[in-house]
């Protein structure tokens, strides 16, 4: 079943179109992993992360500065080339200024039925962050309700939380196997498993994860794992890069980036206040560098991952 994730990754646009035809549901592009997907899933929508293709592109210069990071420019290029025409809407939770400009350019040049910007705080550790972010998540829910023309009930939210938490829990279980002396999957394969959860129906993705978890205990790779490596960075779903690294005597056993562990590492804690549970989950997750304020908690998390997965070296990736 591990091979299924690569198939999904390669055919992600076709999958989204087929999902839309099969269900009649709305497909919403998310520009950052801080978008509260629980609410989108509660509204019976398919969240699809807008990522690039790692191809040379020359179509974004009129829209965003060439100095902006390659990931932002590549993501916008995919829209300008028509590869995300199936999207019904786009959402950004504030992260960096580069991505906000990418999002604004998308809204101007690639108009959709629904677009929403969530002004999430960067100083996520301050006492004001929790009530503020909860209020913004509530506004997002209200905007979605107006768009779909029906309420998103507490039962809907419970369902969204349950579906997202199940997927996160299963991915954590997959990552546990990467701690073994001879991991039963490569870093490239783990990347496919993690990043596809950002654009495949979560329940379908979780079902395949469960099937893969049954295979992993008996799965043996015909390769020496070599040096145990950790990948640290902002955003990298470049399969060819992982493949190249692992072809020269190493295995990426853990990552700390938004295409991987940062996306799923913690869960929403269900309680009577669903909005607070959802909002706080994103404030409490392993932080993106732009959210690591005022204390720099990310460094301790990176170090703990390196120790837990016995990394012997690190690759720092900056897009």
Protein backbone atom coordinates (compact mmCIF):
# COMPACT_ATOMS: atom_id res chain seq x y z
CA UNK A 1 0.00 0.00 0.00
CA UNK A 2 2.99 2.34 0.40
CA UNK A 3 3.11 2.80 -3.37
CA UNK A 4 -0.43 4.23 -3.34
CA UNK A 5 0.80 7.48 -1.81
CA UNK A 6 3.21 8.13 -4.67
CA UNK A 7 0.40 7.46 -7.13
CA UNK A 8 -1.76 10.02 -5.33
CA UNK A 9 1.07 12.55 -5.29
CA UNK A 10 1.73 12.27 -9.01
CA UNK A 11 -1.98 12.37 -9.91
CA UNK A 12 -3.16 14.84 -7.26
CA UNK A 13 -4.98 17.17 -9.66
CA UNK A 14 -6.83 14.29 -11.33
CA UNK A 15 -7.79 12.98 -7.89
CA UNK A 16 -9.32 16.31 -6.82
CA UNK A 17 -11.32 16.57 -10.03
CA UNK A 18 -12.60 13.02 -9.64
CA UNK A 19 -13.49 13.65 -5.97
CA UNK A 20 -15.47 16.72 -7.00
CA UNK A 21 -17.35 14.80 -9.69
CA UNK A 22 -18.00 11.86 -7.37
CA UNK A 23 -19.22 13.81 -4.34
CA UNK A 24 -20.48 17.11 -5.74
CA UNK A 25 -18.53 18.79 -2.94
CA UNK A 26 -16.46 21.96 -2.95
CA UNK A 27 -12.66 21.88 -3.28
CA UNK A 28 -10.82 24.58 -1.35
CA UNK A 29 -7.16 25.41 -1.94
CA UNK A 30 -5.16 26.07 1.24
CA UNK A 31 -2.04 28.20 1.06
CA UNK A 32 -0.61 27.34 4.44
CA UNK A 33 -0.73 24.45 6.90
CA UNK A 34 -2.12 26.84 9.52
CA UNK A 35 -5.53 26.86 7.78
CA UNK A 36 -7.96 25.10 10.22
CA UNK A 37 -8.91 22.15 8.04
CA UNK A 38 -11.26 20.77 10.69
CA UNK A 39 -13.81 23.41 9.66
CA UNK A 40 -13.42 22.69 5.94
CA UNK A 41 -13.90 18.97 6.54
CA UNK A 42 -16.85 19.73 8.82
CA UNK A 43 -18.39 21.59 5.87
CA UNK A 44 -17.88 18.46 3.72
CA UNK A 45 -15.23 20.17 1.60
CA UNK A 46 -11.94 18.80 0.29
CA UNK A 47 -8.93 20.86 1.45
CA UNK A 48 -6.19 20.81 -1.20
CA UNK A 49 -2.81 22.25 -0.34
CA UNK A 50 -1.48 24.51 -3.08
CA UNK A 51 2.05 23.29 -3.74
CA UNK A 52 4.47 23.65 -6.62
CA UNK A 53 5.73 21.22 -9.23
CA UNK A 54 9.49 21.83 -8.92
CA UNK A 55 9.68 22.78 -12.58
CA UNK A 56 11.46 25.89 -13.93
CA UNK A 57 8.87 28.63 -14.39
CA UNK A 58 8.86 32.09 -15.92
CA UNK A 59 5.25 33.25 -15.49
CA UNK A 60 5.24 34.88 -12.04
CA UNK A 61 7.57 37.86 -12.49
CA UNK A 62 4.74 40.27 -13.47
CA UNK A 63 2.86 39.30 -10.30
CA UNK A 64 5.34 38.82 -7.43
CA UNK A 65 8.96 39.79 -6.90
CA UNK A 66 11.67 37.49 -8.21
CA UNK A 67 13.34 37.71 -4.79
CA UNK A 68 10.39 35.84 -3.24
CA UNK A 69 11.05 32.23 -2.27
CA UNK A 70 10.91 29.53 -4.97
CA UNK A 71 8.02 27.78 -3.22
CA UNK A 72 5.75 30.86 -3.39
CA UNK A 73 6.63 31.50 -7.03
CA UNK A 74 6.18 27.86 -7.99
CA UNK A 75 2.80 27.66 -6.23
CA UNK A 76 1.52 30.77 -8.02
CA UNK A 77 2.89 29.45 -11.32
CA UNK A 78 0.75 26.32 -10.99
CA UNK A 79 -2.33 28.51 -10.75
CA UNK A 80 -1.32 30.73 -13.65
CA UNK A 81 -0.74 27.61 -15.76
CA UNK A 82 -4.28 26.43 -15.07
CA UNK A 83 -3.45 23.37 -13.00
CA UNK A 84 -5.78 24.36 -10.14
CA UNK A 85 -8.79 25.35 -12.23
CA UNK A 86 -10.96 22.93 -10.27
CA UNK A 87 -10.71 24.98 -7.05
CA UNK A 88 -13.94 26.53 -5.78
CA UNK A 89 -12.13 28.68 -3.25
CA UNK A 90 -8.80 29.56 -1.64
CA UNK A 91 -7.86 30.25 1.98
CA UNK A 92 -4.71 31.59 3.62
CA UNK A 93 -3.92 31.72 7.32
CA UNK A 94 -1.32 34.44 7.72
CA UNK A 95 2.24 33.15 7.68
CA UNK A 96 4.91 35.12 5.80
CA UNK A 97 4.63 38.25 3.65
CA UNK A 98 5.77 36.30 0.59
CA UNK A 99 2.88 33.89 0.83
CA UNK A 100 0.39 36.68 1.49
CA UNK A 101 1.44 38.39 -1.74
CA UNK A 102 1.16 35.06 -3.56
CA UNK A 103 -2.36 34.66 -2.18
CA UNK A 104 -3.38 38.21 -3.12
CA UNK A 105 -2.00 37.77 -6.64
CA UNK A 106 -3.96 34.53 -6.96
CA UNK A 107 -7.20 36.24 -5.91
CA UNK A 108 -6.66 39.03 -8.44
CA UNK A 109 -5.63 36.96 -11.44
CA UNK A 110 -7.35 33.64 -10.68
CA UNK A 111 -10.72 34.60 -9.19
CA UNK A 112 -12.74 31.89 -7.43
CA UNK A 113 -16.16 31.68 -5.79
CA UNK A 114 -14.80 31.91 -2.25
CA UNK A 115 -11.61 33.40 -0.87
CA UNK A 116 -10.72 34.12 2.72
CA UNK A 117 -7.72 35.46 4.61
CA UNK A 118 -7.35 34.45 8.27
CA UNK A 119 -5.20 37.07 10.10
CA UNK A 120 -3.54 34.60 12.44
CA UNK A 121 -1.09 36.03 15.02
CA UNK A 122 2.62 35.35 14.68
CA UNK A 123 3.27 35.75 18.41
CA UNK A 124 1.39 32.56 19.16
CA UNK A 125 2.75 32.18 22.70
CA UNK A 126 1.31 35.40 24.14
CA UNK A 127 -1.83 35.31 26.35
CA UNK A 128 -3.70 37.44 23.81
CA UNK A 129 -3.14 34.95 20.98
CA UNK A 130 -5.72 32.40 22.13
CA UNK A 131 -8.82 34.61 22.39
CA UNK A 132 -7.80 36.52 19.28
CA UNK A 133 -7.24 33.45 17.13
CA UNK A 134 -10.43 31.81 18.38
CA UNK A 135 -12.39 34.88 17.28
CA UNK A 136 -10.78 34.76 13.83
CA UNK A 137 -11.53 31.05 13.44
CA UNK A 138 -15.15 31.79 14.37
CA UNK A 139 -15.27 34.46 11.65
CA UNK A 140 -13.89 31.93 9.18
CA UNK A 141 -16.62 29.47 10.14
CA UNK A 142 -19.26 32.18 9.67
CA UNK A 143 -17.89 33.04 6.22
CA UNK A 144 -17.98 29.38 5.19
CA UNK A 145 -21.55 29.03 6.44
CA UNK A 146 -22.60 32.01 4.35
CA UNK A 147 -20.84 30.54 1.32
CA UNK A 148 -22.44 27.09 1.54
CA UNK A 149 -25.82 28.39 2.70
CA UNK A 150 -26.19 26.19 5.76
CA UNK A 151 -24.90 26.03 9.33
CA UNK A 152 -21.80 24.09 10.33
CA UNK A 153 -23.13 22.41 13.47
CA UNK A 154 -21.34 21.20 16.59
CA UNK A 155 -21.84 17.67 15.29
CA UNK A 156 -20.15 18.69 12.03
CA UNK A 157 -17.23 20.17 13.96
CA UNK A 158 -16.91 17.05 16.10
CA UNK A 159 -16.74 15.02 12.90
CA UNK A 160 -14.07 17.31 11.44
CA UNK A 161 -11.97 17.10 14.60
CA UNK A 162 -12.33 13.33 14.74
CA UNK A 163 -11.34 12.84 11.09
CA UNK A 164 -8.29 15.13 11.33
CA UNK A 165 -7.11 13.63 14.62
CA UNK A 166 -7.35 10.10 13.27
CA UNK A 167 -5.20 11.02 10.29
CA UNK A 168 -2.61 12.77 12.47
CA UNK A 169 -2.45 9.84 14.85
CA UNK A 170 -1.87 7.36 12.03
CA UNK A 171 0.92 9.47 10.53
CA UNK A 172 2.61 9.60 13.94
CA UNK A 173 2.44 5.80 14.02
CA UNK A 174 4.06 5.63 10.58
CA UNK A 175 6.85 7.91 11.76
CA UNK A 176 7.51 5.62 14.75
CA UNK A 177 8.78 2.99 12.31
CA UNK A 178 11.42 5.45 11.12
CA UNK A 179 13.10 5.15 14.53
CA UNK A 180 14.12 1.54 13.84
CA UNK A 181 17.74 0.63 13.08
CA UNK A 182 16.65 -0.38 9.59
CA UNK A 183 13.49 1.62 8.80
CA UNK A 184 10.96 -0.22 6.60
CA UNK A 185 10.42 2.87 4.49
CA UNK A 186 12.65 5.52 2.98
CA UNK A 187 12.45 9.24 3.60
CA UNK A 188 11.09 9.65 0.09
CA UNK A 189 8.27 7.21 0.82
CA UNK A 190 7.50 8.86 4.15
CA UNK A 191 7.34 12.23 2.40
CA UNK A 192 4.74 10.89 -0.02
CA UNK A 193 2.70 9.52 2.88
CA UNK A 194 2.77 12.79 4.80
CA UNK A 195 2.30 15.36 2.05
CA UNK A 196 -0.56 13.50 0.34
CA UNK A 197 -2.61 13.90 3.51
CA UNK A 198 -2.72 17.60 2.59
CA UNK A 199 -4.77 17.07 -0.57
CA UNK A 200 -6.42 13.63 -0.40
CA UNK A 201 -9.77 13.01 1.30
CA UNK A 202 -8.73 12.51 4.93
CA UNK A 203 -10.89 9.45 5.57
CA UNK A 204 -9.65 7.73 2.41
CA UNK A 205 -6.07 8.67 3.26
CA UNK A 206 -6.45 7.29 6.78
CA UNK A 207 -7.87 4.01 5.49
CA UNK A 208 -4.82 3.51 3.28
CA UNK A 209 -2.51 4.52 6.15
CA UNK A 210 -4.07 1.80 8.29
CA UNK A 211 -3.48 -0.76 5.54
CA UNK A 212 0.12 0.42 5.15
CA UNK A 213 0.70 0.15 8.90
CA UNK A 214 -0.23 -3.53 8.71
CA UNK A 215 2.46 -4.04 6.05
CA UNK A 216 5.30 -2.09 7.66
CA UNK A 217 6.24 -4.61 10.43
CA UNK A 218 7.15 -7.23 7.81
CA UNK A 219 8.51 -4.87 5.17
CA UNK A 220 12.25 -5.09 4.48
CA UNK A 221 14.15 -2.75 2.19
CA UNK A 222 16.93 -4.16 0.02
CA UNK A 223 19.31 -1.36 0.99
CA UNK A 224 21.69 -0.34 3.72
CA UNK A 225 20.10 2.62 5.56
CA UNK A 226 23.54 4.19 5.91
CA UNK A 227 23.77 7.55 7.67
CA UNK A 228 20.61 8.61 9.53
CA UNK A 229 19.64 12.10 8.39
CA UNK A 230 17.20 14.75 9.51
CA UNK A 231 15.61 17.22 7.06
CA UNK A 232 14.94 20.66 8.54
CA UNK A 233 13.38 23.56 6.69
CA UNK A 234 10.32 25.49 5.75
CA UNK A 235 8.65 23.57 2.94
CA UNK A 236 10.03 20.77 0.80
CA UNK A 237 8.01 18.11 -0.99
CA UNK A 238 10.66 17.60 -3.66
CA UNK A 239 10.68 13.82 -4.05
CA UNK A 240 13.64 13.89 -6.42
CA UNK A 241 15.73 15.66 -3.79
CA UNK A 242 14.99 12.99 -1.19
CA UNK A 243 15.65 10.28 -3.77
CA UNK A 244 19.03 11.82 -4.64
CA UNK A 245 20.07 12.11 -0.98
CA UNK A 246 19.11 8.52 -0.26
CA UNK A 247 20.94 7.22 -3.34
CA UNK A 248 24.34 8.12 -1.90
CA UNK A 249 24.37 6.24 1.38
CA UNK A 250 21.84 7.79 3.72
CA UNK A 251 18.24 7.66 4.89
CA UNK A 252 16.14 10.62 5.93
CA UNK A 253 14.63 9.22 9.14
CA UNK A 254 12.83 12.36 10.32
CA UNK A 255 11.83 15.78 9.05
CA UNK A 256 10.87 19.07 10.65
CA UNK A 257 9.01 20.96 7.95
CA UNK A 258 5.49 21.85 6.82
CA UNK A 259 5.33 19.13 4.15
CA UNK A 260 5.92 16.60 6.91
CA UNK A 261 5.84 16.38 10.67
CA UNK A 262 4.89 19.98 11.50
CA UNK A 263 1.62 19.48 9.65
CA UNK A 264 0.33 16.55 11.72
CA UNK A 265 2.39 16.35 14.92
CA UNK A 266 -0.28 17.45 17.42
CA UNK A 267 -4.04 16.96 17.64
CA UNK A 268 -7.04 19.11 18.46
CA UNK A 269 -8.03 18.43 22.07
CA UNK A 270 -11.82 17.89 22.04
CA UNK A 271 -13.73 19.81 24.68
CA UNK A 272 -17.02 21.64 25.01
CA UNK A 273 -15.64 24.68 23.19
CA UNK A 274 -14.95 23.33 19.71
CA UNK A 275 -13.70 26.63 18.29
CA UNK A 276 -11.17 26.98 21.09
CA UNK A 277 -10.01 23.38 20.62
CA UNK A 278 -9.45 23.92 16.90
CA UNK A 279 -7.86 27.37 17.24
CA UNK A 280 -5.54 26.32 20.06
CA UNK A 281 -4.35 23.28 18.14
CA UNK A 282 -2.76 25.52 15.52
CA UNK A 283 -1.23 27.81 18.14
CA UNK A 284 0.25 24.82 19.98
CA UNK A 285 1.61 22.86 17.01
CA UNK A 286 5.36 22.72 16.31
CA UNK A 287 5.83 26.24 15.00
CA UNK A 288 6.76 27.45 11.58
CA UNK A 289 9.75 29.83 11.99
CA UNK A 290 7.51 32.89 11.53
CA UNK A 291 5.31 31.72 14.43
CA UNK A 292 8.08 30.97 16.93
CA UNK A 293 7.62 34.10 19.06
CA UNK A 294 8.28 35.49 21.59
CA UNK A 295 10.17 32.40 22.86
CA UNK A 296 12.05 30.27 20.37
CA UNK A 297 10.53 26.89 21.24
CA UNK A 298 11.19 25.37 17.84
CA UNK A 299 14.87 24.72 18.53
CA UNK A 300 14.11 22.45 21.48
CA UNK A 301 11.60 20.52 19.37
CA UNK A 302 14.13 20.06 16.54
CA UNK A 303 16.73 18.82 19.01
CA UNK A 304 14.28 16.37 20.59
CA UNK A 305 13.39 14.95 17.18
CA UNK A 306 17.07 14.54 16.32
CA UNK A 307 17.63 12.62 19.56
CA UNK A 308 14.48 10.49 19.31
CA UNK A 309 15.25 9.43 15.74
CA UNK A 310 19.01 9.17 16.36
CA UNK A 311 19.89 11.47 13.49
CA UNK A 312 23.60 11.53 12.65
CA UNK A 313 23.40 14.52 10.37
CA UNK A 314 21.03 17.26 9.26
CA UNK A 315 20.12 18.78 5.92
CA UNK A 316 18.95 22.38 6.20
CA UNK A 317 16.63 23.23 3.32
CA UNK A 318 15.67 26.81 2.61
CA UNK A 319 13.21 27.52 -0.20
